[in-house]
Amino acid sequence: MSNEFHQTFGVSRRTVARGLAWSVPTIAVAAAAPAHAASSCIPTLRSSGGLTYT
């Protein structure tokens, strides 16, 4: 039956697993992006080098 399913739909379990493996980090980044954009932390470049956040 497993062979019939693969021949009928052309999608293997490995293909589904690969799609899930890529989608989980993408969803995590997309969920964090609005919170990062809304933060009021402003980086300032110091003359001695480095960044300070205000």
PDB file of N, CA and C in Angstrom:
ATOM      1  N   MET A   1       0.823  -1.189   0.000  1.00  0.00           N
ATOM      2  CA  MET A   1       0.000   0.000   0.000  1.00  0.00           C
ATOM      3  C   MET A   1       0.866   1.251   0.000  1.00  0.00           C
ATOM      4  N   SER A   2       1.944   1.242   0.735  1.00  0.00           N
ATOM      5  CA  SER A   2       2.826   2.393   0.784  1.00  0.00           C
ATOM      6  C   SER A   2       3.380   2.720  -0.599  1.00  0.00           C
ATOM      7  N   ASN A   3       3.696   1.689  -1.363  1.00  0.00           N
ATOM      8  CA  ASN A   3       4.208   1.882  -2.713  1.00  0.00           C
ATOM      9  C   ASN A   3       3.132   2.492  -3.609  1.00  0.00           C
ATOM     10  N   GLU A   4       1.886   2.044  -3.454  1.00  0.00           N
ATOM     11  CA  GLU A   4       0.781   2.581  -4.240  1.00  0.00           C
ATOM     12  C   GLU A   4       0.553   4.058  -3.930  1.00  0.00           C
ATOM     13  N   PHE A   5       0.648   4.420  -2.652  1.00  0.00           N
ATOM     14  CA  PHE A   5       0.462   5.818  -2.259  1.00  0.00           C
ATOM     15  C   PHE A   5       1.523   6.702  -2.898  1.00  0.00           C
ATOM     16  N   HIS A   6       2.768   6.256  -2.855  1.00  0.00           N
ATOM     17  CA  HIS A   6       3.864   7.044  -3.416  1.00  0.00           C
ATOM     18  C   HIS A   6       3.699   7.213  -4.920  1.00  0.00           C
ATOM     19  N   GLN A   7       3.287   6.169  -5.596  1.00  0.00           N
ATOM     20  CA  GLN A   7       3.102   6.250  -7.036  1.00  0.00           C
ATOM     21  C   GLN A   7       1.906   7.121  -7.403  1.00  0.00           C
ATOM     22  N   THR A   8       0.888   7.109  -6.581  1.00  0.00           N
ATOM     23  CA  THR A   8      -0.314   7.884  -6.870  1.00  0.00           C
ATOM     24  C   THR A   8      -0.093   9.380  -6.658  1.00  0.00           C
ATOM     25  N   PHE A   9       0.496   9.756  -5.518  1.00  0.00           N
ATOM     26  CA  PHE A   9       0.624  11.170  -5.182  1.00  0.00           C
ATOM     27  C   PHE A   9       2.006  11.737  -5.449  1.00  0.00           C
ATOM     28  N   GLY A  10       3.030  10.920  -5.531  1.00  0.00           N
ATOM     29  CA  GLY A  10       4.374  11.384  -5.852  1.00  0.00           C
ATOM     30  C   GLY A  10       5.060  12.140  -4.731  1.00  0.00           C
ATOM     31  N   VAL A  11       4.572  12.026  -3.500  1.00  0.00           N
ATOM     32  CA  VAL A  11       5.181  12.716  -2.364  1.00  0.00           C
ATOM     33  C   VAL A  11       5.634  11.667  -1.355  1.00  0.00           C
ATOM     34  N   SER A  12       6.910  11.698  -1.022  1.00  0.00           N
ATOM     35  CA  SER A  12       7.419  10.727  -0.056  1.00  0.00           C
ATOM     36  C   SER A  12       7.426  11.326   1.348  1.00  0.00           C
ATOM     37  N   ARG A  13       7.584  10.481   2.329  1.00  0.00           N
ATOM     38  CA  ARG A  13       7.680  10.963   3.709  1.00  0.00           C
ATOM     39  C   ARG A  13       8.906  11.841   3.885  1.00  0.00           C
ATOM     40  N   ARG A  14       9.966  11.505   3.186  1.00  0.00           N
ATOM     41  CA  ARG A  14      11.195  12.298   3.278  1.00  0.00           C
ATOM     42  C   ARG A  14      10.968  13.719   2.758  1.00  0.00           C
ATOM     43  N   THR A  15      10.204  13.857   1.686  1.00  0.00           N
ATOM     44  CA  THR A  15       9.901  15.182   1.141  1.00  0.00           C
ATOM     45  C   THR A  15       9.078  15.999   2.136  1.00  0.00           C
ATOM     46  N   VAL A  16       8.114  15.361   2.771  1.00  0.00           N
ATOM     47  CA  VAL A  16       7.282  16.046   3.776  1.00  0.00           C
ATOM     48  C   VAL A  16       8.141  16.457   4.965  1.00  0.00           C
ATOM     49  N   ALA A  17       9.004  15.555   5.426  1.00  0.00           N
ATOM     50  CA  ALA A  17       9.877  15.864   6.565  1.00  0.00           C
ATOM     51  C   ALA A  17      10.830  17.005   6.230  1.00  0.00           C
ATOM     52  N   ARG A  18      11.338  17.021   5.021  1.00  0.00           N
ATOM     53  CA  ARG A  18      12.243  18.101   4.601  1.00  0.00           C
ATOM     54  C   ARG A  18      11.510  19.443   4.580  1.00  0.00           C
ATOM     55  N   GLY A  19      10.274  19.443   4.123  1.00  0.00           N
ATOM     56  CA  GLY A  19       9.475  20.668   4.124  1.00  0.00           C
ATOM     57  C   GLY A  19       9.200  21.173   5.527  1.00  0.00           C
ATOM     58  N   LEU A  20       8.910  20.263   6.432  1.00  0.00           N
ATOM     59  CA  LEU A  20       8.685  20.656   7.826  1.00  0.00           C
ATOM     60  C   LEU A  20       9.966  21.190   8.462  1.00  0.00           C
ATOM     61  N   ALA A  21      11.095  20.566   8.135  1.00  0.00           N
ATOM     62  CA  ALA A  21      12.363  21.006   8.704  1.00  0.00           C
ATOM     63  C   ALA A  21      12.697  22.432   8.285  1.00  0.00           C
ATOM     64  N   TRP A  22      12.309  22.831   7.098  1.00  0.00           N
ATOM     65  CA  TRP A  22      12.565  24.199   6.645  1.00  0.00           C
ATOM     66  C   TRP A  22      11.523  25.176   7.180  1.00  0.00           C
ATOM     67  N   SER A  23      10.295  24.719   7.363  1.00  0.00           N
ATOM     68  CA  SER A  23       9.236  25.649   7.749  1.00  0.00           C
ATOM     69  C   SER A  23       9.297  26.047   9.216  1.00  0.00           C
ATOM     70  N   VAL A  24       9.751  25.178  10.103  1.00  0.00           N
ATOM     71  CA  VAL A  24       9.768  25.499  11.533  1.00  0.00           C
ATOM     72  C   VAL A  24      10.663  26.702  11.834  1.00  0.00           C
ATOM     73  N   PRO A  25      11.933  26.749  11.378  1.00  0.00           N
ATOM     74  CA  PRO A  25      12.745  27.943  11.656  1.00  0.00           C
ATOM     75  C   PRO A  25      12.193  29.203  10.980  1.00  0.00           C
ATOM     76  N   THR A  26      11.615  29.036   9.810  1.00  0.00           N
ATOM     77  CA  THR A  26      11.047  30.186   9.097  1.00  0.00           C
ATOM     78  C   THR A  26       9.888  30.794   9.880  1.00  0.00           C
ATOM     79  N   ILE A  27       9.034  29.958  10.422  1.00  0.00           N
ATOM     80  CA  ILE A  27       7.907  30.448  11.221  1.00  0.00           C
ATOM     81  C   ILE A  27       8.404  31.109  12.504  1.00  0.00           C
ATOM     82  N   ALA A  28       9.449  30.548  13.115  1.00  0.00           N
ATOM     83  CA  ALA A  28      10.001  31.131  14.342  1.00  0.00           C
ATOM     84  C   ALA A  28      10.566  32.527  14.080  1.00  0.00           C
ATOM     85  N   VAL A  29      11.271  32.701  12.982  1.00  0.00           N
ATOM     86  CA  VAL A  29      11.828  34.016  12.639  1.00  0.00           C
ATOM     87  C   VAL A  29      10.709  34.997  12.308  1.00  0.00           C
ATOM     88  N   ALA A  30       9.729  34.546  11.568  1.00  0.00           N
ATOM     89  CA  ALA A  30       8.613  35.427  11.207  1.00  0.00           C
ATOM     90  C   ALA A  30       7.817  35.862  12.443  1.00  0.00           C
ATOM     91  N   ALA A  31       7.714  34.997  13.422  1.00  0.00           N
ATOM     92  CA  ALA A  31       6.988  35.351  14.637  1.00  0.00           C
ATOM     93  C   ALA A  31       7.775  36.351  15.478  1.00  0.00           C
ATOM     94  N   ALA A  32       9.109  36.284  15.450  1.00  0.00           N
ATOM     95  CA  ALA A  32       9.930  37.181  16.257  1.00  0.00           C
ATOM     96  C   ALA A  32      10.142  38.542  15.595  1.00  0.00           C
ATOM     97  N   ALA A  33       9.997  38.630  14.300  1.00  0.00           N
ATOM     98  CA  ALA A  33      10.278  39.874  13.574  1.00  0.00           C
ATOM     99  C   ALA A  33       9.436  41.064  14.045  1.00  0.00           C
ATOM    100  N   PRO A  34       8.123  40.947  14.236  1.00  0.00           N
ATOM    101  CA  PRO A  34       7.350  42.109  14.692  1.00  0.00           C
ATOM    102  C   PRO A  34       7.787  42.614  16.070  1.00  0.00           C
ATOM    103  N   ALA A  35       8.145  41.697  16.957  1.00  0.00           N
ATOM    104  CA  ALA A  35       8.595  42.118  18.286  1.00  0.00           C
ATOM    105  C   ALA A  35       9.915  42.877  18.197  1.00  0.00           C
ATOM    106  N   HIS A  36      10.794  42.429  17.331  1.00  0.00           N
ATOM    107  CA  HIS A  36      12.078  43.112  17.150  1.00  0.00           C
ATOM    108  C   HIS A  36      11.858  44.495  16.518  1.00  0.00           C
ATOM    109  N   ALA A  37      10.953  44.582  15.565  1.00  0.00           N
ATOM    110  CA  ALA A  37      10.689  45.855  14.893  1.00  0.00           C
ATOM    111  C   ALA A  37      10.040  46.866  15.838  1.00  0.00           C
ATOM    112  N   ALA A  38       9.292  46.388  16.810  1.00  0.00           N
ATOM    113  CA  ALA A  38       8.591  47.282  17.729  1.00  0.00           C
ATOM    114  C   ALA A  38       9.449  47.715  18.912  1.00  0.00           C
ATOM    115  N   SER A  39      10.630  47.149  19.047  1.00  0.00           N
ATOM    116  CA  SER A  39      11.461  47.510  20.199  1.00  0.00           C
ATOM    117  C   SER A  39      11.974  48.940  20.061  1.00  0.00           C
ATOM    118  N   SER A  40      12.159  49.603  21.170  1.00  0.00           N
ATOM    119  CA  SER A  40      12.599  50.996  21.154  1.00  0.00           C
ATOM    120  C   SER A  40      14.103  51.114  21.396  1.00  0.00           C
ATOM    121  N   CYS A  41      14.806  50.031  21.286  1.00  0.00           N
ATOM    122  CA  CYS A  41      16.244  50.011  21.509  1.00  0.00           C
ATOM    123  C   CYS A  41      16.955  50.580  20.270  1.00  0.00           C
ATOM    124  N   ILE A  42      17.713  51.673  20.446  1.00  0.00           N
ATOM    125  CA  ILE A  42      18.382  52.323  19.320  1.00  0.00           C
ATOM    126  C   ILE A  42      19.892  52.144  19.473  1.00  0.00           C
ATOM    127  N   PRO A  43      20.549  51.483  18.520  1.00  0.00           N
ATOM    128  CA  PRO A  43      21.998  51.333  18.606  1.00  0.00           C
ATOM    129  C   PRO A  43      22.708  52.639  18.245  1.00  0.00           C
ATOM    130  N   THR A  44      23.739  52.998  19.007  1.00  0.00           N
ATOM    131  CA  THR A  44      24.521  54.206  18.757  1.00  0.00           C
ATOM    132  C   THR A  44      25.991  53.814  18.647  1.00  0.00           C
ATOM    133  N   LEU A  45      26.634  54.243  17.606  1.00  0.00           N
ATOM    134  CA  LEU A  45      28.046  53.948  17.402  1.00  0.00           C
ATOM    135  C   LEU A  45      28.886  54.903  18.248  1.00  0.00           C
ATOM    136  N   ARG A  46      29.743  54.358  19.102  1.00  0.00           N
ATOM    137  CA  ARG A  46      30.600  55.183  19.937  1.00  0.00           C
ATOM    138  C   ARG A  46      31.872  55.553  19.171  1.00  0.00           C
ATOM    139  N   SER A  47      32.461  56.690  19.484  1.00  0.00           N
ATOM    140  CA  SER A  47      33.681  57.133  18.805  1.00  0.00           C
ATOM    141  C   SER A  47      34.864  56.222  19.141  1.00  0.00           C
ATOM    142  N   SER A  48      34.852  55.585  20.305  1.00  0.00           N
ATOM    143  CA  SER A  48      35.930  54.683  20.674  1.00  0.00           C
ATOM    144  C   SER A  48      35.724  53.286  20.077  1.00  0.00           C
ATOM    145  N   GLY A  49      34.643  53.092  19.382  1.00  0.00           N
ATOM    146  CA  GLY A  49      34.335  51.803  18.771  1.00  0.00           C
ATOM    147  C   GLY A  49      33.271  51.081  19.540  1.00  0.00           C
ATOM    148  N   GLY A  50      32.555  50.246  18.885  1.00  0.00           N
ATOM    149  CA  GLY A  50      31.493  49.476  19.534  1.00  0.00           C
ATOM    150  C   GLY A  50      30.154  50.169  19.473  1.00  0.00           C
ATOM    151  N   LEU A  51      29.173  49.498  19.976  1.00  0.00           N
ATOM    152  CA  LEU A  51      27.813  50.016  19.975  1.00  0.00           C
ATOM    153  C   LEU A  51      27.280  50.096  21.389  1.00  0.00           C
ATOM    154  N   THR A  52      26.467  51.102  21.623  1.00  0.00           N
ATOM    155  CA  THR A  52      25.692  51.172  22.865  1.00  0.00           C
ATOM    156  C   THR A  52      24.229  51.191  22.458  1.00  0.00           C
ATOM    157  N   TYR A  53      23.403  50.633  23.293  1.00  0.00           N
ATOM    158  CA  TYR A  53      21.976  50.591  23.006  1.00  0.00           C
ATOM    159  C   TYR A  53      21.226  51.433  24.011  1.00  0.00           C
ATOM    160  N   THR A  54      20.424  52.370  23.492  1.00  0.00           N
ATOM    161  CA  THR A  54      19.647  53.250  24.349  1.00  0.00           C
ATOM    162  C   THR A  54      18.174  53.077  24.099  1.00  0.00           C
TER     163      THR A  54
END
